[in-house]
Amino acid sequence: MSHDNPDDEIMCPCSGTRRGQIRAYFLQGLDVDAISRKTGALSGCGGCEWDIGEYLQALAAEAAADKPAA
């Protein structure tokens, strides 16, 4: 595992969920609850809640910026 790859960053220590897993599920259209059910993230101590929430907001903003204007 490369520490230079941001996708390898563990975002939820309780479940071992990595940034890349969260991004992949987000890109599949899953919301935070579905991502939590699939990965176990956000279901342990709760310490990852802010980081994952902010990451999902950034992904949503990025996706909105990539959409062509109507």
PDB file of N, CA and C in Angstrom:
ATOM      1  N   MET A   1       0.841  -1.179   0.000  1.00  0.00           N
ATOM      2  CA  MET A   1       0.000   0.000   0.000  1.00  0.00           C
ATOM      3  C   MET A   1       0.884   1.238   0.000  1.00  0.00           C
ATOM      4  N   SER A   2       0.553   2.158  -0.872  1.00  0.00           N
ATOM      5  CA  SER A   2       1.314   3.391  -0.988  1.00  0.00           C
ATOM      6  C   SER A   2       0.713   4.465  -0.085  1.00  0.00           C
ATOM      7  N   HIS A   3       1.554   5.093   0.697  1.00  0.00           N
ATOM      8  CA  HIS A   3       1.076   6.185   1.550  1.00  0.00           C
ATOM      9  C   HIS A   3       0.945   7.474   0.747  1.00  0.00           C
ATOM     10  N   ASP A   4       1.393   7.447  -0.520  1.00  0.00           N
ATOM     11  CA  ASP A   4       1.278   8.618  -1.378  1.00  0.00           C
ATOM     12  C   ASP A   4      -0.086   8.697  -2.043  1.00  0.00           C
ATOM     13  N   ASN A   5      -0.841   7.621  -2.015  1.00  0.00           N
ATOM     14  CA  ASN A   5      -2.152   7.584  -2.651  1.00  0.00           C
ATOM     15  C   ASN A   5      -3.214   7.999  -1.644  1.00  0.00           C
ATOM     16  N   PRO A   6      -3.895   9.139  -1.884  1.00  0.00           N
ATOM     17  CA  PRO A   6      -4.904   9.599  -0.923  1.00  0.00           C
ATOM     18  C   PRO A   6      -6.057   8.607  -0.757  1.00  0.00           C
ATOM     19  N   ASP A   7      -6.323   7.783  -1.765  1.00  0.00           N
ATOM     20  CA  ASP A   7      -7.393   6.787  -1.655  1.00  0.00           C
ATOM     21  C   ASP A   7      -7.111   5.756  -0.576  1.00  0.00           C
ATOM     22  N   ASP A   8      -5.860   5.610  -0.187  1.00  0.00           N
ATOM     23  CA  ASP A   8      -5.466   4.639   0.835  1.00  0.00           C
ATOM     24  C   ASP A   8      -5.666   5.159   2.258  1.00  0.00           C
ATOM     25  N   GLU A   9      -5.959   6.455   2.396  1.00  0.00           N
ATOM     26  CA  GLU A   9      -6.127   7.033   3.731  1.00  0.00           C
ATOM     27  C   GLU A   9      -7.328   6.398   4.436  1.00  0.00           C
ATOM     28  N   ILE A  10      -7.096   5.917   5.645  1.00  0.00           N
ATOM     29  CA  ILE A  10      -8.195   5.362   6.439  1.00  0.00           C
ATOM     30  C   ILE A  10      -8.974   6.521   7.040  1.00  0.00           C
ATOM     31  N   MET A  11     -10.252   6.590   6.699  1.00  0.00           N
ATOM     32  CA  MET A  11     -11.101   7.665   7.205  1.00  0.00           C
ATOM     33  C   MET A  11     -11.881   7.229   8.428  1.00  0.00           C
ATOM     34  N   CYS A  12     -12.084   5.918   8.589  1.00  0.00           N
ATOM     35  CA  CYS A  12     -12.781   5.395   9.762  1.00  0.00           C
ATOM     36  C   CYS A  12     -11.922   4.295  10.376  1.00  0.00           C
ATOM     37  N   PRO A  13     -11.226   4.602  11.458  1.00  0.00           N
ATOM     38  CA  PRO A  13     -10.360   3.605  12.090  1.00  0.00           C
ATOM     39  C   PRO A  13     -11.132   2.395  12.633  1.00  0.00           C
ATOM     40  N   CYS A  14     -12.364   2.597  13.057  1.00  0.00           N
ATOM     41  CA  CYS A  14     -13.134   1.482  13.627  1.00  0.00           C
ATOM     42  C   CYS A  14     -13.415   0.405  12.591  1.00  0.00           C
ATOM     43  N   SER A  15     -13.748   0.827  11.358  1.00  0.00           N
ATOM     44  CA  SER A  15     -14.104  -0.136  10.317  1.00  0.00           C
ATOM     45  C   SER A  15     -12.988  -0.345   9.297  1.00  0.00           C
ATOM     46  N   GLY A  16     -11.987   0.525   9.325  1.00  0.00           N
ATOM     47  CA  GLY A  16     -10.905   0.433   8.343  1.00  0.00           C
ATOM     48  C   GLY A  16     -11.296   0.974   6.980  1.00  0.00           C
ATOM     49  N   THR A  17     -12.372   1.747   6.926  1.00  0.00           N
ATOM     50  CA  THR A  17     -12.856   2.279   5.653  1.00  0.00           C
ATOM     51  C   THR A  17     -11.893   3.329   5.128  1.00  0.00           C
ATOM     52  N   ARG A  18     -11.540   3.174   3.862  1.00  0.00           N
ATOM     53  CA  ARG A  18     -10.581   4.072   3.221  1.00  0.00           C
ATOM     54  C   ARG A  18     -11.294   5.117   2.358  1.00  0.00           C
ATOM     55  N   ARG A  19     -10.597   6.202   2.131  1.00  0.00           N
ATOM     56  CA  ARG A  19     -11.108   7.324   1.332  1.00  0.00           C
ATOM     57  C   ARG A  19     -11.589   6.846  -0.042  1.00  0.00           C
ATOM     58  N   GLY A  20     -10.841   5.974  -0.670  1.00  0.00           N
ATOM     59  CA  GLY A  20     -11.205   5.489  -2.000  1.00  0.00           C
ATOM     60  C   GLY A  20     -12.503   4.704  -2.007  1.00  0.00           C
ATOM     61  N   GLN A  21     -12.761   3.954  -0.945  1.00  0.00           N
ATOM     62  CA  GLN A  21     -14.022   3.213  -0.849  1.00  0.00           C
ATOM     63  C   GLN A  21     -15.199   4.179  -0.773  1.00  0.00           C
ATOM     64  N   ILE A  22     -15.051   5.208   0.045  1.00  0.00           N
ATOM     65  CA  ILE A  22     -16.116   6.187   0.205  1.00  0.00           C
ATOM     66  C   ILE A  22     -16.384   6.889  -1.124  1.00  0.00           C
ATOM     67  N   ARG A  23     -15.325   7.288  -1.809  1.00  0.00           N
ATOM     68  CA  ARG A  23     -15.480   7.963  -3.101  1.00  0.00           C
ATOM     69  C   ARG A  23     -16.162   7.049  -4.110  1.00  0.00           C
ATOM     70  N   ALA A  24     -15.744   5.786  -4.165  1.00  0.00           N
ATOM     71  CA  ALA A  24     -16.337   4.847  -5.117  1.00  0.00           C
ATOM     72  C   ALA A  24     -17.833   4.667  -4.872  1.00  0.00           C
ATOM     73  N   TYR A  25     -18.226   4.513  -3.623  1.00  0.00           N
ATOM     74  CA  TYR A  25     -19.656   4.368  -3.312  1.00  0.00           C
ATOM     75  C   TYR A  25     -20.420   5.657  -3.602  1.00  0.00           C
ATOM     76  N   PHE A  26     -19.829   6.800  -3.314  1.00  0.00           N
ATOM     77  CA  PHE A  26     -20.462   8.077  -3.627  1.00  0.00           C
ATOM     78  C   PHE A  26     -20.706   8.188  -5.131  1.00  0.00           C
ATOM     79  N   LEU A  27     -19.713   7.813  -5.918  1.00  0.00           N
ATOM     80  CA  LEU A  27     -19.838   7.889  -7.373  1.00  0.00           C
ATOM     81  C   LEU A  27     -20.881   6.913  -7.909  1.00  0.00           C
ATOM     82  N   GLN A  28     -21.188   5.880  -7.134  1.00  0.00           N
ATOM     83  CA  GLN A  28     -22.243   4.936  -7.508  1.00  0.00           C
ATOM     84  C   GLN A  28     -23.626   5.470  -7.123  1.00  0.00           C
ATOM     85  N   GLY A  29     -23.657   6.627  -6.451  1.00  0.00           N
ATOM     86  CA  GLY A  29     -24.923   7.254  -6.093  1.00  0.00           C
ATOM     87  C   GLY A  29     -25.403   6.951  -4.683  1.00  0.00           C
ATOM     88  N   LEU A  30     -24.561   6.313  -3.862  1.00  0.00           N
ATOM     89  CA  LEU A  30     -24.976   5.997  -2.496  1.00  0.00           C
ATOM     90  C   LEU A  30     -24.889   7.237  -1.614  1.00  0.00           C
ATOM     91  N   ASP A  31     -25.843   7.360  -0.680  1.00  0.00           N
ATOM     92  CA  ASP A  31     -25.807   8.455   0.281  1.00  0.00           C
ATOM     93  C   ASP A  31     -25.023   8.007   1.521  1.00  0.00           C
ATOM     94  N   VAL A  32     -24.896   8.899   2.479  1.00  0.00           N
ATOM     95  CA  VAL A  32     -24.070   8.634   3.653  1.00  0.00           C
ATOM     96  C   VAL A  32     -24.568   7.408   4.429  1.00  0.00           C
ATOM     97  N   ASP A  33     -25.887   7.240   4.529  1.00  0.00           N
ATOM     98  CA  ASP A  33     -26.416   6.091   5.261  1.00  0.00           C
ATOM     99  C   ASP A  33     -26.084   4.782   4.558  1.00  0.00           C
ATOM    100  N   ALA A  34     -26.217   4.764   3.241  1.00  0.00           N
ATOM    101  CA  ALA A  34     -25.900   3.557   2.482  1.00  0.00           C
ATOM    102  C   ALA A  34     -24.404   3.247   2.541  1.00  0.00           C
ATOM    103  N   ILE A  35     -23.582   4.289   2.476  1.00  0.00           N
ATOM    104  CA  ILE A  35     -22.129   4.092   2.577  1.00  0.00           C
ATOM    105  C   ILE A  35     -21.787   3.518   3.944  1.00  0.00           C
ATOM    106  N   SER A  36     -22.435   4.020   4.970  1.00  0.00           N
ATOM    107  CA  SER A  36     -22.206   3.509   6.325  1.00  0.00           C
ATOM    108  C   SER A  36     -22.588   2.031   6.419  1.00  0.00           C
ATOM    109  N   ARG A  37     -23.737   1.676   5.847  1.00  0.00           N
ATOM    110  CA  ARG A  37     -24.168   0.266   5.892  1.00  0.00           C
ATOM    111  C   ARG A  37     -23.214  -0.640   5.128  1.00  0.00           C
ATOM    112  N   LYS A  38     -22.707  -0.167   3.986  1.00  0.00           N
ATOM    113  CA  LYS A  38     -21.803  -0.987   3.155  1.00  0.00           C
ATOM    114  C   LYS A  38     -20.429  -1.165   3.794  1.00  0.00           C
ATOM    115  N   THR A  39     -19.930  -0.110   4.454  1.00  0.00           N
ATOM    116  CA  THR A  39     -18.548  -0.120   4.929  1.00  0.00           C
ATOM    117  C   THR A  39     -18.398  -0.302   6.434  1.00  0.00           C
ATOM    118  N   GLY A  40     -19.435   0.037   7.185  1.00  0.00           N
ATOM    119  CA  GLY A  40     -19.331   0.034   8.643  1.00  0.00           C
ATOM    120  C   GLY A  40     -18.828   1.359   9.186  1.00  0.00           C
ATOM    121  N   ALA A  41     -18.460   2.275   8.292  1.00  0.00           N
ATOM    122  CA  ALA A  41     -18.025   3.608   8.724  1.00  0.00           C
ATOM    123  C   ALA A  41     -19.190   4.303   9.421  1.00  0.00           C
ATOM    124  N   LEU A  42     -18.886   5.166  10.366  1.00  0.00           N
ATOM    125  CA  LEU A  42     -19.867   5.953  11.115  1.00  0.00           C
ATOM    126  C   LEU A  42     -20.700   5.106  12.068  1.00  0.00           C
ATOM    127  N   SER A  43     -20.336   3.857  12.258  1.00  0.00           N
ATOM    128  CA  SER A  43     -21.137   2.991  13.124  1.00  0.00           C
ATOM    129  C   SER A  43     -20.392   2.568  14.388  1.00  0.00           C
ATOM    130  N   GLY A  44     -19.190   3.117  14.576  1.00  0.00           N
ATOM    131  CA  GLY A  44     -18.409   2.772  15.765  1.00  0.00           C
ATOM    132  C   GLY A  44     -18.400   3.927  16.751  1.00  0.00           C
ATOM    133  N   CYS A  45     -17.250   4.508  16.939  1.00  0.00           N
ATOM    134  CA  CYS A  45     -17.078   5.543  17.962  1.00  0.00           C
ATOM    135  C   CYS A  45     -17.622   6.905  17.548  1.00  0.00           C
ATOM    136  N   GLY A  46     -17.804   7.134  16.246  1.00  0.00           N
ATOM    137  CA  GLY A  46     -18.299   8.423  15.761  1.00  0.00           C
ATOM    138  C   GLY A  46     -17.211   9.442  15.498  1.00  0.00           C
ATOM    139  N   GLY A  47     -15.964   9.083  15.734  1.00  0.00           N
ATOM    140  CA  GLY A  47     -14.867  10.025  15.552  1.00  0.00           C
ATOM    141  C   GLY A  47     -14.620  10.430  14.107  1.00  0.00           C
ATOM    142  N   CYS A  48     -15.133   9.655  13.162  1.00  0.00           N
ATOM    143  CA  CYS A  48     -14.912   9.949  11.753  1.00  0.00           C
ATOM    144  C   CYS A  48     -16.033  10.773  11.139  1.00  0.00           C
ATOM    145  N   GLU A  49     -17.073  11.040  11.901  1.00  0.00           N
ATOM    146  CA  GLU A  49     -18.277  11.677  11.357  1.00  0.00           C
ATOM    147  C   GLU A  49     -17.980  12.984  10.631  1.00  0.00           C
ATOM    148  N   TRP A  50     -17.216  13.869  11.238  1.00  0.00           N
ATOM    149  CA  TRP A  50     -16.920  15.169  10.620  1.00  0.00           C
ATOM    150  C   TRP A  50     -16.074  15.007   9.371  1.00  0.00           C
ATOM    151  N   ASP A  51     -15.032  14.189   9.452  1.00  0.00           N
ATOM    152  CA  ASP A  51     -14.140  14.019   8.297  1.00  0.00           C
ATOM    153  C   ASP A  51     -14.884  13.431   7.107  1.00  0.00           C
ATOM    154  N   ILE A  52     -15.676  12.409   7.355  1.00  0.00           N
ATOM    155  CA  ILE A  52     -16.415  11.787   6.257  1.00  0.00           C
ATOM    156  C   ILE A  52     -17.490  12.736   5.735  1.00  0.00           C
ATOM    157  N   GLY A  53     -18.160  13.437   6.620  1.00  0.00           N
ATOM    158  CA  GLY A  53     -19.168  14.410   6.191  1.00  0.00           C
ATOM    159  C   GLY A  53     -18.571  15.497   5.317  1.00  0.00           C
ATOM    160  N   GLU A  54     -17.433  16.027   5.730  1.00  0.00           N
ATOM    161  CA  GLU A  54     -16.763  17.068   4.941  1.00  0.00           C
ATOM    162  C   GLU A  54     -16.285  16.518   3.604  1.00  0.00           C
ATOM    163  N   TYR A  55     -15.795  15.278   3.605  1.00  0.00           N
ATOM    164  CA  TYR A  55     -15.324  14.663   2.362  1.00  0.00           C
ATOM    165  C   TYR A  55     -16.494  14.468   1.392  1.00  0.00           C
ATOM    166  N   LEU A  56     -17.634  14.005   1.884  1.00  0.00           N
ATOM    167  CA  LEU A  56     -18.799  13.823   1.018  1.00  0.00           C
ATOM    168  C   LEU A  56     -19.301  15.165   0.485  1.00  0.00           C
ATOM    169  N   GLN A  57     -19.240  16.209   1.301  1.00  0.00           N
ATOM    170  CA  GLN A  57     -19.623  17.544   0.819  1.00  0.00           C
ATOM    171  C   GLN A  57     -18.685  18.002  -0.290  1.00  0.00           C
ATOM    172  N   ALA A  58     -17.398  17.752  -0.125  1.00  0.00           N
ATOM    173  CA  ALA A  58     -16.423  18.133  -1.155  1.00  0.00           C
ATOM    174  C   ALA A  58     -16.673  17.348  -2.441  1.00  0.00           C
ATOM    175  N   LEU A  59     -16.980  16.061  -2.312  1.00  0.00           N
ATOM    176  CA  LEU A  59     -17.279  15.254  -3.498  1.00  0.00           C
ATOM    177  C   LEU A  59     -18.536  15.768  -4.197  1.00  0.00           C
ATOM    178  N   ALA A  60     -19.553  16.139  -3.422  1.00  0.00           N
ATOM    179  CA  ALA A  60     -20.789  16.656  -3.999  1.00  0.00           C
ATOM    180  C   ALA A  60     -20.535  17.983  -4.716  1.00  0.00           C
ATOM    181  N   ALA A  61     -19.735  18.850  -4.123  1.00  0.00           N
ATOM    182  CA  ALA A  61     -19.407  20.127  -4.737  1.00  0.00           C
ATOM    183  C   ALA A  61     -18.618  19.918  -6.032  1.00  0.00           C
ATOM    184  N   GLU A  62     -17.704  18.972  -5.995  1.00  0.00           N
ATOM    185  CA  GLU A  62     -16.913  18.648  -7.176  1.00  0.00           C
ATOM    186  C   GLU A  62     -17.810  18.116  -8.292  1.00  0.00           C
ATOM    187  N   ALA A  63     -18.755  17.246  -7.940  1.00  0.00           N
ATOM    188  CA  ALA A  63     -19.675  16.682  -8.928  1.00  0.00           C
ATOM    189  C   ALA A  63     -20.567  17.769  -9.509  1.00  0.00           C
ATOM    190  N   ALA A  64     -21.011  18.702  -8.671  1.00  0.00           N
ATOM    191  CA  ALA A  64     -21.857  19.794  -9.155  1.00  0.00           C
ATOM    192  C   ALA A  64     -21.075  20.722 -10.096  1.00  0.00           C
ATOM    193  N   ALA A  65     -19.819  20.942  -9.789  1.00  0.00           N
ATOM    194  CA  ALA A  65     -18.993  21.815 -10.627  1.00  0.00           C
ATOM    195  C   ALA A  65     -18.702  21.163 -11.979  1.00  0.00           C
ATOM    196  N   ASP A  66     -18.703  19.843 -12.022  1.00  0.00           N
ATOM    197  CA  ASP A  66     -18.414  19.119 -13.258  1.00  0.00           C
ATOM    198  C   ASP A  66     -19.620  19.029 -14.188  1.00  0.00           C
ATOM    199  N   LYS A  67     -20.826  19.306 -13.643  1.00  0.00           N
ATOM    200  CA  LYS A  67     -22.040  19.240 -14.465  1.00  0.00           C
ATOM    201  C   LYS A  67     -22.112  20.467 -15.356  1.00  0.00           C
ATOM    202  N   PRO A  68     -22.442  20.260 -16.625  1.00  0.00           N
ATOM    203  CA  PRO A  68     -22.599  21.418 -17.507  1.00  0.00           C
ATOM    204  C   PRO A  68     -23.831  22.225 -17.107  1.00  0.00           C
ATOM    205  N   ALA A  69     -23.750  23.529 -17.312  1.00  0.00           N
ATOM    206  CA  ALA A  69     -24.879  24.403 -16.981  1.00  0.00           C
ATOM    207  C   ALA A  69     -26.037  24.128 -17.929  1.00  0.00           C
ATOM    208  N   ALA A  70     -27.235  24.188 -17.413  1.00  0.00           N
ATOM    209  CA  ALA A  70     -28.433  23.890 -18.237  1.00  0.00           C
ATOM    210  C   ALA A  70     -28.841  25.084 -19.059  1.00  0.00           C
TER     211      ALA A  70
END
